Every structure is written in structure tokens, then in C-alpha cells.
Amino acid sequence: MEKNTKLNNMETTGKLPRTEVYRAIDGERAYQDAKWDTTNRRKPTEAYLTYMKSYLDEAFYEISHTAGDTGALDKLRKVVALGVACFEDNGVPLRNISATGKETFTITNGTN
């Protein structure tokens, strides 16, 4: 996909299919893995949050200083992919709803 090209089928269905969204996130993760040294990449959650905040700040700048939302969405794709990388490195809490309707959380690190 060319830089600043946006997948969009809002005119026909009202929203982009989740499979296309995940494809964009997966593509960003592949880019990140190719860019970073992944042999000992594991970073703590706080490092990912710092990177994510930096890109969110850039997204806010883009949305307030440029026409359209493509630049902001470009930064947001990076933020979401960084969140995925954080989960890959540190595990992810799974949302569970008990029989009583109360939420519980289970942390998985990919080996559970």
C-alpha cells in the first residue's frame, strides 16, 4: 500500500471490514519486526506505552493541523500495532463474563 493511501469502503457498507483492519495492523507489525532487532526485542509495558503516547501525540497534531484524517489514522495504525507488540511480549488480559455477569480477567502469555 502506498504511503497515505487509505483503505475505505465507507460509501458502500458504512465501515471497513474487520479483516481489512487486521490486515493493516498485521502489515504494520511486519514492518515493525523488520525494522527492529527482534532477537531480544522483549520490552516492558511501560516502554510500549511511551512509544504509543508519542505516536498518539503525533496523531493529535495531524488531525488538528492537516486536512482530512489520513495522517492521524496512519499514526493510529502504528499505535494499535505497538499495542499488539506489547501483548506479544507481555501477555494480554482476556475479558471473561461469568455466569453472574461479573467481568473477570485472565492473563495469558501465549503459553496458557
Protein backbone atom coordinates (compact mmCIF):
# COMPACT_ATOMS: atom_id res chain seq x y z
CA MET A 1 0.00 0.00 0.00
CA GLU A 2 1.34 3.43 -0.88
CA LYS A 3 2.07 5.91 1.88
CA ASN A 4 -1.01 7.96 2.76
CA THR A 5 -3.32 5.57 0.92
CA LYS A 6 -6.34 4.72 3.00
CA LEU A 7 -8.45 1.58 2.74
CA ASN A 8 -12.01 2.81 2.66
CA ASN A 9 -15.35 1.33 1.75
CA MET A 10 -17.42 3.62 3.95
CA GLU A 11 -19.54 4.68 0.98
CA THR A 12 -20.86 1.17 0.39
CA THR A 13 -21.07 -0.54 3.79
CA GLY A 14 -20.66 2.14 6.41
CA LYS A 15 -17.46 0.68 7.82
CA LEU A 16 -14.31 -1.19 6.90
CA PRO A 17 -14.45 -4.99 7.39
CA ARG A 18 -12.54 -6.15 10.44
CA THR A 19 -10.46 -8.49 8.26
CA GLU A 20 -9.12 -5.46 6.37
CA VAL A 21 -8.39 -3.61 9.61
CA TYR A 22 -6.48 -6.62 10.94
CA ARG A 23 -4.61 -6.90 7.63
CA ALA A 24 -3.42 -3.29 8.04
CA ILE A 25 -2.36 -3.93 11.65
CA ASP A 26 -0.57 -7.15 10.66
CA GLY A 27 1.24 -5.28 7.89
CA GLU A 28 2.40 -2.66 10.38
CA ARG A 29 3.59 -5.40 12.76
CA ALA A 30 5.58 -6.99 9.92
CA TYR A 31 7.14 -3.59 9.20
CA GLN A 32 7.99 -3.11 12.89
CA ASP A 33 9.55 -6.57 13.16
CA ALA A 34 11.65 -5.92 10.05
CA LYS A 35 12.76 -2.55 11.41
CA TRP A 36 13.53 -3.66 14.98
CA ASP A 37 16.00 -6.27 16.16
CA THR A 38 13.54 -8.97 17.20
CA THR A 39 16.07 -11.47 18.59
CA ASN A 40 15.90 -9.92 22.07
CA ARG A 41 13.09 -7.46 21.45
CA ARG A 42 11.04 -8.01 24.57
CA LYS A 43 10.25 -4.61 26.03
CA PRO A 44 8.33 -3.81 29.21
CA THR A 45 4.78 -2.48 29.01
CA GLU A 46 5.86 0.99 30.12
CA ALA A 47 8.22 1.28 27.15
CA TYR A 48 5.40 0.44 24.74
CA LEU A 49 3.11 2.95 26.45
CA THR A 50 5.75 5.64 26.00
CA TYR A 51 6.07 4.89 22.27
CA MET A 52 2.29 4.75 21.92
CA LYS A 53 1.81 8.11 23.63
CA SER A 54 4.39 9.69 21.35
CA TYR A 55 2.56 8.45 18.25
CA LEU A 56 -0.81 9.47 19.73
CA ASP A 57 0.56 12.97 20.24
CA GLU A 58 1.60 12.97 16.57
CA ALA A 59 -1.90 11.77 15.59
CA PHE A 60 -3.47 14.65 17.52
CA TYR A 61 -1.12 17.06 15.76
CA GLU A 62 -2.05 15.60 12.36
CA ILE A 63 -5.79 15.80 12.98
CA SER A 64 -5.58 19.40 14.14
CA HIS A 65 -3.07 20.75 11.62
CA THR A 66 -3.77 18.93 8.34
CA ALA A 67 -6.77 18.43 6.11
CA GLY A 68 -8.51 15.07 6.39
CA ASP A 69 -7.73 12.25 8.76
CA THR A 70 -5.29 10.09 6.78
CA GLY A 71 -2.22 11.34 8.67
CA ALA A 72 -3.86 10.77 12.05
CA LEU A 73 -5.05 7.31 11.02
CA ASP A 74 -1.51 6.48 9.84
CA LYS A 75 -0.21 7.26 13.33
CA LEU A 76 -3.10 5.40 14.97
CA ARG A 77 -2.25 2.26 12.94
CA LYS A 78 1.23 2.46 14.46
CA VAL A 79 -0.23 2.86 17.97
CA VAL A 80 -2.52 -0.16 17.58
CA ALA A 81 0.33 -2.29 16.20
CA LEU A 82 2.52 -1.22 19.12
CA GLY A 83 -0.25 -2.41 21.43
CA VAL A 84 -0.23 -5.76 19.66
CA ALA A 85 3.56 -5.98 20.04
CA CYS A 86 3.19 -5.18 23.74
CA PHE A 87 0.68 -8.02 24.13
CA GLU A 88 3.02 -10.36 22.24
CA ASP A 89 5.84 -9.51 24.64
CA ASN A 90 3.96 -9.21 27.92
CA GLY A 91 0.75 -11.21 27.63
CA VAL A 92 -2.82 -9.98 27.35
CA PRO A 93 -5.72 -9.98 29.79
CA LEU A 94 -8.68 -11.85 28.34
CA ARG A 95 -12.15 -10.49 29.10
CA ASN A 96 -14.42 -13.13 30.57
CA ILE A 97 -18.02 -12.69 31.65
CA SER A 98 -19.02 -15.04 34.45
CA ALA A 99 -22.43 -16.65 34.80
CA THR A 100 -23.34 -13.84 37.21
CA GLY A 101 -22.46 -11.21 34.60
CA LYS A 102 -19.38 -10.07 36.51
CA GLU A 103 -16.24 -9.45 34.47
CA THR A 104 -13.11 -11.38 35.33
CA PHE A 105 -9.74 -11.20 33.65
CA THR A 106 -7.29 -13.92 32.78
CA ILE A 107 -3.74 -13.05 31.79
CA THR A 108 -2.33 -15.17 29.02
CA ASN A 109 1.23 -15.06 27.77
CA GLY A 110 0.61 -17.28 24.79
CA THR A 111 1.50 -20.45 26.64
CA ASN A 112 -1.72 -20.89 28.65
